[in-house]
């Protein structure tokens, strides 16, 4: 799995908790680095913050959806409270869940487990 967040303390805590689930966790500090890292490791799922420097999470998700190597990877997007995502742009991505801040580590773990078992509906963006 790939964890993309520009806040080191969030990355550290979530990476440790996700590792305890038995997941191999790679990390990136922004959307640009996340996109490159996803091409390298081709993770089973991506957990990404929405608001980041260099490339935000939604733009990263759009680029991942367009690339044949990463187009089928489900994404869990973490959004600041009240920040609205453009539904038309989200439909072009593989965003499976949106999690609002503040969140608990246990809620993240439950969503990751659910998304790893998730299969997209027929005709969904690939």
N, C-alpha and C. Protein backbone atom coordinates (compact mmCIF):
# COMPACT_ATOMS: atom_id res chain seq x y z
N UNK A 1 0.84 -1.17 0.00
CA UNK A 1 0.00 0.00 0.00
C UNK A 1 0.88 1.22 0.00
N UNK A 2 0.32 2.32 -0.53
CA UNK A 2 1.05 3.58 -0.59
C UNK A 2 0.30 4.61 0.24
N UNK A 3 1.03 5.31 1.10
CA UNK A 3 0.49 6.35 1.96
C UNK A 3 1.11 7.67 1.52
N UNK A 4 0.27 8.63 1.11
CA UNK A 4 0.75 9.90 0.59
C UNK A 4 0.20 11.02 1.47
N UNK A 5 1.09 11.70 2.19
CA UNK A 5 0.67 12.80 3.06
C UNK A 5 1.86 13.70 3.33
N UNK A 6 1.62 14.99 3.39
CA UNK A 6 2.71 15.95 3.63
C UNK A 6 2.95 16.22 5.11
N UNK A 7 2.18 15.59 5.98
CA UNK A 7 2.37 15.77 7.42
C UNK A 7 3.09 14.54 7.98
N UNK A 8 4.37 14.68 8.33
CA UNK A 8 5.18 13.53 8.77
C UNK A 8 4.58 12.76 9.95
N UNK A 9 3.98 13.44 10.91
CA UNK A 9 3.45 12.73 12.08
C UNK A 9 2.26 11.84 11.69
N UNK A 10 1.43 12.28 10.76
CA UNK A 10 0.32 11.45 10.29
C UNK A 10 0.85 10.25 9.53
N UNK A 11 1.83 10.50 8.66
CA UNK A 11 2.44 9.41 7.89
C UNK A 11 3.04 8.37 8.82
N UNK A 12 3.77 8.82 9.83
CA UNK A 12 4.43 7.91 10.76
C UNK A 12 3.42 7.03 11.51
N UNK A 13 2.39 7.66 12.08
CA UNK A 13 1.40 6.92 12.86
C UNK A 13 0.63 5.94 11.98
N UNK A 14 0.13 6.41 10.83
CA UNK A 14 -0.65 5.53 9.97
C UNK A 14 0.20 4.40 9.38
N UNK A 15 1.43 4.70 9.00
CA UNK A 15 2.29 3.65 8.44
C UNK A 15 2.53 2.55 9.48
N UNK A 16 2.74 2.95 10.72
CA UNK A 16 2.97 1.96 11.78
C UNK A 16 1.72 1.10 12.00
N UNK A 17 0.55 1.74 12.07
CA UNK A 17 -0.69 1.00 12.30
C UNK A 17 -1.02 0.08 11.11
N UNK A 18 -0.82 0.57 9.90
CA UNK A 18 -1.10 -0.24 8.71
C UNK A 18 -0.13 -1.41 8.59
N UNK A 19 1.11 -1.21 9.00
CA UNK A 19 2.09 -2.30 8.99
C UNK A 19 1.66 -3.42 9.93
N UNK A 20 1.03 -3.04 11.03
CA UNK A 20 0.55 -4.05 11.99
C UNK A 20 -0.56 -4.92 11.39
N UNK A 21 -1.23 -4.41 10.34
CA UNK A 21 -2.23 -5.22 9.64
C UNK A 21 -1.57 -6.24 8.71
N UNK A 22 -0.26 -6.13 8.59
CA UNK A 22 0.45 -7.02 7.69
C UNK A 22 0.67 -6.41 6.31
N UNK A 23 0.37 -5.12 6.17
CA UNK A 23 0.57 -4.45 4.89
C UNK A 23 1.99 -3.92 4.78
N UNK A 24 2.55 -4.03 3.59
CA UNK A 24 3.83 -3.40 3.31
C UNK A 24 3.51 -1.98 2.89
N UNK A 25 4.00 -1.00 3.64
CA UNK A 25 3.63 0.40 3.43
C UNK A 25 4.80 1.19 2.85
N UNK A 26 4.54 1.81 1.69
CA UNK A 26 5.48 2.78 1.11
C UNK A 26 4.88 4.15 1.37
N UNK A 27 5.74 5.17 1.43
CA UNK A 27 5.24 6.51 1.71
C UNK A 27 5.75 7.52 0.69
N UNK A 28 5.01 8.62 0.59
CA UNK A 28 5.40 9.75 -0.25
C UNK A 28 4.93 11.03 0.45
N UNK A 29 5.62 12.15 0.20
CA UNK A 29 5.34 13.39 0.91
C UNK A 29 4.43 14.37 0.16
N UNK A 30 4.13 14.09 -1.09
CA UNK A 30 3.24 14.98 -1.85
C UNK A 30 2.71 14.20 -3.06
N UNK A 31 1.79 14.81 -3.78
CA UNK A 31 1.15 14.11 -4.89
C UNK A 31 2.10 13.75 -6.02
N UNK A 32 3.05 14.62 -6.29
CA UNK A 32 4.02 14.35 -7.35
C UNK A 32 4.88 13.14 -7.00
N UNK A 33 5.37 13.13 -5.77
CA UNK A 33 6.17 11.99 -5.29
C UNK A 33 5.30 10.73 -5.21
N UNK A 34 4.04 10.91 -4.82
CA UNK A 34 3.11 9.78 -4.73
C UNK A 34 2.86 9.13 -6.08
N UNK A 35 2.70 9.96 -7.10
CA UNK A 35 2.49 9.44 -8.45
C UNK A 35 3.69 8.61 -8.89
N UNK A 36 4.90 9.15 -8.71
CA UNK A 36 6.12 8.43 -9.10
C UNK A 36 6.28 7.15 -8.29
N UNK A 37 6.00 7.22 -7.00
CA UNK A 37 6.14 6.04 -6.13
C UNK A 37 5.13 4.96 -6.53
N UNK A 38 3.92 5.37 -6.90
CA UNK A 38 2.90 4.40 -7.32
C UNK A 38 3.33 3.66 -8.58
N UNK A 39 3.99 4.36 -9.49
CA UNK A 39 4.51 3.71 -10.70
C UNK A 39 5.60 2.70 -10.37
N UNK A 40 6.39 2.99 -9.34
CA UNK A 40 7.48 2.09 -8.93
C UNK A 40 6.98 0.84 -8.22
N UNK A 41 6.09 1.02 -7.24
CA UNK A 41 5.70 -0.11 -6.39
C UNK A 41 4.36 -0.74 -6.76
N UNK A 42 3.53 -0.06 -7.56
CA UNK A 42 2.20 -0.51 -7.95
C UNK A 42 1.47 -1.12 -6.73
N UNK A 43 1.05 -0.26 -5.81
CA UNK A 43 0.43 -0.72 -4.57
C UNK A 43 -0.97 -1.28 -4.78
N UNK A 44 -1.44 -2.04 -3.80
CA UNK A 44 -2.78 -2.60 -3.85
C UNK A 44 -3.84 -1.55 -3.55
N UNK A 45 -3.47 -0.51 -2.80
CA UNK A 45 -4.37 0.58 -2.44
C UNK A 45 -3.51 1.80 -2.12
N UNK A 46 -4.09 2.98 -2.32
CA UNK A 46 -3.41 4.24 -1.99
C UNK A 46 -4.27 5.00 -1.00
N UNK A 47 -3.66 5.47 0.07
CA UNK A 47 -4.30 6.34 1.05
C UNK A 47 -3.62 7.69 0.91
N UNK A 48 -4.37 8.72 0.51
CA UNK A 48 -3.76 10.00 0.20
C UNK A 48 -4.52 11.17 0.80
N UNK A 49 -3.75 12.13 1.26
CA UNK A 49 -4.32 13.41 1.67
C UNK A 49 -4.76 14.14 0.42
N UNK A 50 -5.76 14.98 0.53
CA UNK A 50 -6.23 15.75 -0.62
C UNK A 50 -5.38 17.01 -0.83
N UNK A 51 -5.18 17.77 0.22
CA UNK A 51 -4.47 19.03 0.11
C UNK A 51 -2.99 18.84 0.43
N UNK A 52 -2.16 18.94 -0.62
CA UNK A 52 -0.71 18.76 -0.48
C UNK A 52 0.00 19.71 -1.43
N UNK A 53 1.27 20.00 -1.13
CA UNK A 53 2.04 20.84 -2.05
C UNK A 53 2.44 20.07 -3.31
N UNK A 54 2.85 20.79 -4.31
CA UNK A 54 3.33 20.30 -5.60
C UNK A 54 2.24 19.71 -6.47
N UNK A 55 1.45 18.80 -5.94
CA UNK A 55 0.36 18.17 -6.69
C UNK A 55 -0.65 17.68 -5.66
N UNK A 56 -1.89 18.16 -5.74
CA UNK A 56 -2.86 17.74 -4.72
C UNK A 56 -3.32 16.30 -4.98
N UNK A 57 -4.02 15.75 -4.00
CA UNK A 57 -4.44 14.36 -4.09
C UNK A 57 -5.38 14.06 -5.24
N UNK A 58 -6.28 15.00 -5.56
CA UNK A 58 -7.20 14.76 -6.67
C UNK A 58 -6.48 14.75 -8.00
N UNK A 59 -5.57 15.68 -8.20
CA UNK A 59 -4.81 15.70 -9.45
C UNK A 59 -3.94 14.44 -9.57
N UNK A 60 -3.36 14.00 -8.45
CA UNK A 60 -2.59 12.75 -8.47
C UNK A 60 -3.50 11.59 -8.87
N UNK A 61 -4.71 11.53 -8.30
CA UNK A 61 -5.66 10.46 -8.60
C UNK A 61 -6.05 10.47 -10.08
N UNK A 62 -6.23 11.65 -10.65
CA UNK A 62 -6.54 11.76 -12.08
C UNK A 62 -5.40 11.23 -12.94
N UNK A 63 -4.17 11.58 -12.59
CA UNK A 63 -3.01 11.09 -13.34
C UNK A 63 -2.85 9.58 -13.21
N UNK A 64 -3.08 9.07 -12.01
CA UNK A 64 -2.99 7.62 -11.79
C UNK A 64 -4.03 6.88 -12.62
N UNK A 65 -5.25 7.45 -12.71
CA UNK A 65 -6.33 6.82 -13.47
C UNK A 65 -6.01 6.78 -14.96
N UNK A 66 -5.22 7.73 -15.44
CA UNK A 66 -4.89 7.80 -16.86
C UNK A 66 -3.70 6.91 -17.24
N UNK A 67 -2.94 6.47 -16.26
CA UNK A 67 -1.74 5.68 -16.56
C UNK A 67 -2.08 4.19 -16.52
N UNK A 68 -1.72 3.44 -17.56
CA UNK A 68 -2.10 2.01 -17.61
C UNK A 68 -1.56 1.18 -16.44
N UNK A 69 -0.43 1.56 -15.89
CA UNK A 69 0.16 0.79 -14.79
C UNK A 69 -0.62 0.96 -13.49
N UNK A 70 -1.24 2.13 -13.30
CA UNK A 70 -1.88 2.45 -12.02
C UNK A 70 -3.39 2.68 -12.12
N UNK A 71 -3.96 2.50 -13.27
CA UNK A 71 -5.36 2.87 -13.49
C UNK A 71 -6.37 2.06 -12.68
N UNK A 72 -6.00 0.91 -12.18
CA UNK A 72 -6.96 0.10 -11.43
C UNK A 72 -6.75 0.14 -9.91
N UNK A 73 -5.83 0.95 -9.44
CA UNK A 73 -5.54 1.01 -8.00
C UNK A 73 -6.61 1.85 -7.29
N UNK A 74 -7.31 1.26 -6.30
CA UNK A 74 -8.29 2.05 -5.55
C UNK A 74 -7.59 3.06 -4.64
N UNK A 75 -8.25 4.19 -4.45
CA UNK A 75 -7.68 5.28 -3.65
C UNK A 75 -8.65 5.66 -2.55
N UNK A 76 -8.11 5.87 -1.37
CA UNK A 76 -8.85 6.42 -0.24
C UNK A 76 -8.32 7.84 -0.06
N UNK A 77 -9.21 8.83 -0.18
CA UNK A 77 -8.80 10.22 -0.10
C UNK A 77 -9.15 10.78 1.26
N UNK A 78 -8.21 11.47 1.89
CA UNK A 78 -8.42 12.13 3.17
C UNK A 78 -8.62 13.61 2.89
N UNK A 79 -9.75 14.13 3.32
CA UNK A 79 -10.11 15.52 3.03
C UNK A 79 -10.33 16.30 4.31
N UNK A 80 -9.89 17.56 4.30
CA UNK A 80 -10.19 18.45 5.41
C UNK A 80 -11.67 18.71 5.48
N UNK A 81 -12.19 18.85 6.65
CA UNK A 81 -13.62 19.08 6.85
C UNK A 81 -14.08 20.28 6.04
N UNK A 82 -15.15 20.09 5.29
CA UNK A 82 -15.73 21.17 4.52
C UNK A 82 -15.13 21.36 3.14
N UNK A 83 -14.07 20.64 2.82
CA UNK A 83 -13.47 20.77 1.49
C UNK A 83 -14.25 19.87 0.54
N UNK A 84 -14.84 20.46 -0.47
CA UNK A 84 -15.68 19.70 -1.40
C UNK A 84 -14.88 19.23 -2.60
N UNK A 85 -15.11 17.99 -2.97
CA UNK A 85 -14.48 17.43 -4.16
C UNK A 85 -15.41 17.61 -5.35
N UNK A 86 -14.86 17.88 -6.49
CA UNK A 86 -15.62 18.03 -7.73
C UNK A 86 -16.05 16.63 -8.19
N UNK A 87 -17.36 16.36 -8.11
CA UNK A 87 -17.88 15.02 -8.44
C UNK A 87 -17.51 14.57 -9.85
N UNK A 88 -17.55 15.47 -10.80
CA UNK A 88 -17.22 15.11 -12.18
C UNK A 88 -15.78 14.65 -12.29
N UNK A 89 -14.87 15.30 -11.58
CA UNK A 89 -13.46 14.90 -11.61
C UNK A 89 -13.25 13.61 -10.82
N UNK A 90 -13.96 13.45 -9.71
CA UNK A 90 -13.82 12.23 -8.90
C UNK A 90 -14.24 11.01 -9.71
N UNK A 91 -15.28 11.13 -10.53
CA UNK A 91 -15.75 10.00 -11.34
C UNK A 91 -14.70 9.52 -12.35
N UNK A 92 -13.73 10.35 -12.65
CA UNK A 92 -12.67 9.99 -13.59
C UNK A 92 -11.52 9.28 -12.87
N UNK A 93 -11.65 9.09 -11.58
CA UNK A 93 -10.58 8.49 -10.78
C UNK A 93 -11.01 7.14 -10.22
N UNK A 94 -10.14 6.55 -9.42
CA UNK A 94 -10.44 5.30 -8.71
C UNK A 94 -10.62 5.59 -7.23
N UNK A 95 -11.11 6.79 -6.88
CA UNK A 95 -11.35 7.11 -5.47
C UNK A 95 -12.54 6.26 -5.00
N UNK A 96 -12.24 5.36 -4.07
CA UNK A 96 -13.25 4.43 -3.57
C UNK A 96 -13.94 4.97 -2.32
N UNK A 97 -13.21 5.77 -1.54
CA UNK A 97 -13.73 6.30 -0.28
C UNK A 97 -13.13 7.68 -0.05
N UNK A 98 -13.88 8.54 0.64
CA UNK A 98 -13.37 9.83 1.09
C UNK A 98 -13.55 9.86 2.60
N UNK A 99 -12.46 10.13 3.29
CA UNK A 99 -12.45 10.16 4.75
C UNK A 99 -12.18 11.60 5.18
N UNK A 100 -13.06 12.15 6.02
CA UNK A 100 -12.89 13.52 6.48
C UNK A 100 -12.04 13.59 7.74
N UNK A 101 -11.20 14.63 7.81
CA UNK A 101 -10.46 14.93 9.03
C UNK A 101 -11.41 15.64 9.99
N UNK A 102 -11.26 15.46 11.27
CA UNK A 102 -10.33 14.54 11.92
C UNK A 102 -10.85 13.10 11.83
N UNK A 103 -9.94 12.16 11.89
CA UNK A 103 -10.31 10.76 11.80
C UNK A 103 -9.52 9.98 12.84
N UNK A 104 -10.01 8.80 13.14
CA UNK A 104 -9.28 7.93 14.07
C UNK A 104 -8.49 6.91 13.26
N UNK A 105 -7.41 6.45 13.82
CA UNK A 105 -6.60 5.43 13.14
C UNK A 105 -7.43 4.18 12.91
N UNK A 106 -8.32 3.83 13.85
CA UNK A 106 -9.13 2.63 13.67
C UNK A 106 -10.09 2.77 12.50
N UNK A 107 -10.62 3.98 12.26
CA UNK A 107 -11.51 4.16 11.11
C UNK A 107 -10.73 4.02 9.80
N UNK A 108 -9.50 4.49 9.78
CA UNK A 108 -8.66 4.33 8.59
C UNK A 108 -8.40 2.85 8.33
N UNK A 109 -8.07 2.11 9.36
CA UNK A 109 -7.80 0.68 9.21
C UNK A 109 -9.02 -0.06 8.68
N UNK A 110 -10.20 0.27 9.19
CA UNK A 110 -11.43 -0.39 8.71
C UNK A 110 -11.68 -0.06 7.24
N UNK A 111 -11.49 1.19 6.85
CA UNK A 111 -11.72 1.57 5.46
C UNK A 111 -10.72 0.91 4.53
N UNK A 112 -9.46 0.85 4.94
CA UNK A 112 -8.43 0.19 4.11
C UNK A 112 -8.81 -1.28 3.92
N UNK A 113 -9.19 -1.94 4.98
CA UNK A 113 -9.59 -3.35 4.86
C UNK A 113 -10.78 -3.50 3.93
N UNK A 114 -11.77 -2.62 4.04
CA UNK A 114 -12.96 -2.69 3.19
C UNK A 114 -12.59 -2.44 1.72
N UNK A 115 -11.74 -1.46 1.46
CA UNK A 115 -11.36 -1.14 0.08
C UNK A 115 -10.53 -2.26 -0.53
N UNK A 116 -9.70 -2.90 0.26
CA UNK A 116 -8.90 -4.02 -0.27
C UNK A 116 -9.79 -5.18 -0.70
N UNK A 117 -10.97 -5.28 -0.11
CA UNK A 117 -11.92 -6.32 -0.49
C UNK A 117 -12.88 -5.84 -1.57
N UNK A 118 -12.85 -4.54 -1.87
CA UNK A 118 -13.77 -3.88 -2.81
C UNK A 118 -13.45 -4.27 -4.23
N UNK A 119 -14.50 -4.53 -5.01
CA UNK A 119 -14.29 -4.73 -6.44
C UNK A 119 -15.17 -3.70 -7.15
N UNK A 120 -14.62 -3.00 -8.15
CA UNK A 120 -15.38 -1.93 -8.79
C UNK A 120 -16.55 -2.46 -9.60
N UNK A 121 -17.60 -1.64 -9.72
CA UNK A 121 -18.72 -2.06 -10.54
C UNK A 121 -18.32 -2.13 -12.00
N UNK A 122 -19.01 -2.96 -12.76
CA UNK A 122 -18.71 -3.08 -14.20
C UNK A 122 -18.85 -1.72 -14.85
N UNK A 123 -17.91 -1.39 -15.71
CA UNK A 123 -17.96 -0.13 -16.43
C UNK A 123 -17.37 1.03 -15.67
N UNK A 124 -16.87 0.81 -14.44
CA UNK A 124 -16.25 1.90 -13.68
C UNK A 124 -14.93 2.26 -14.35
N UNK A 125 -14.45 3.46 -14.03
CA UNK A 125 -13.17 3.91 -14.60
C UNK A 125 -12.09 2.89 -14.30
N UNK A 126 -11.35 2.56 -15.31
CA UNK A 126 -10.28 1.57 -15.12
C UNK A 126 -8.94 2.18 -15.37
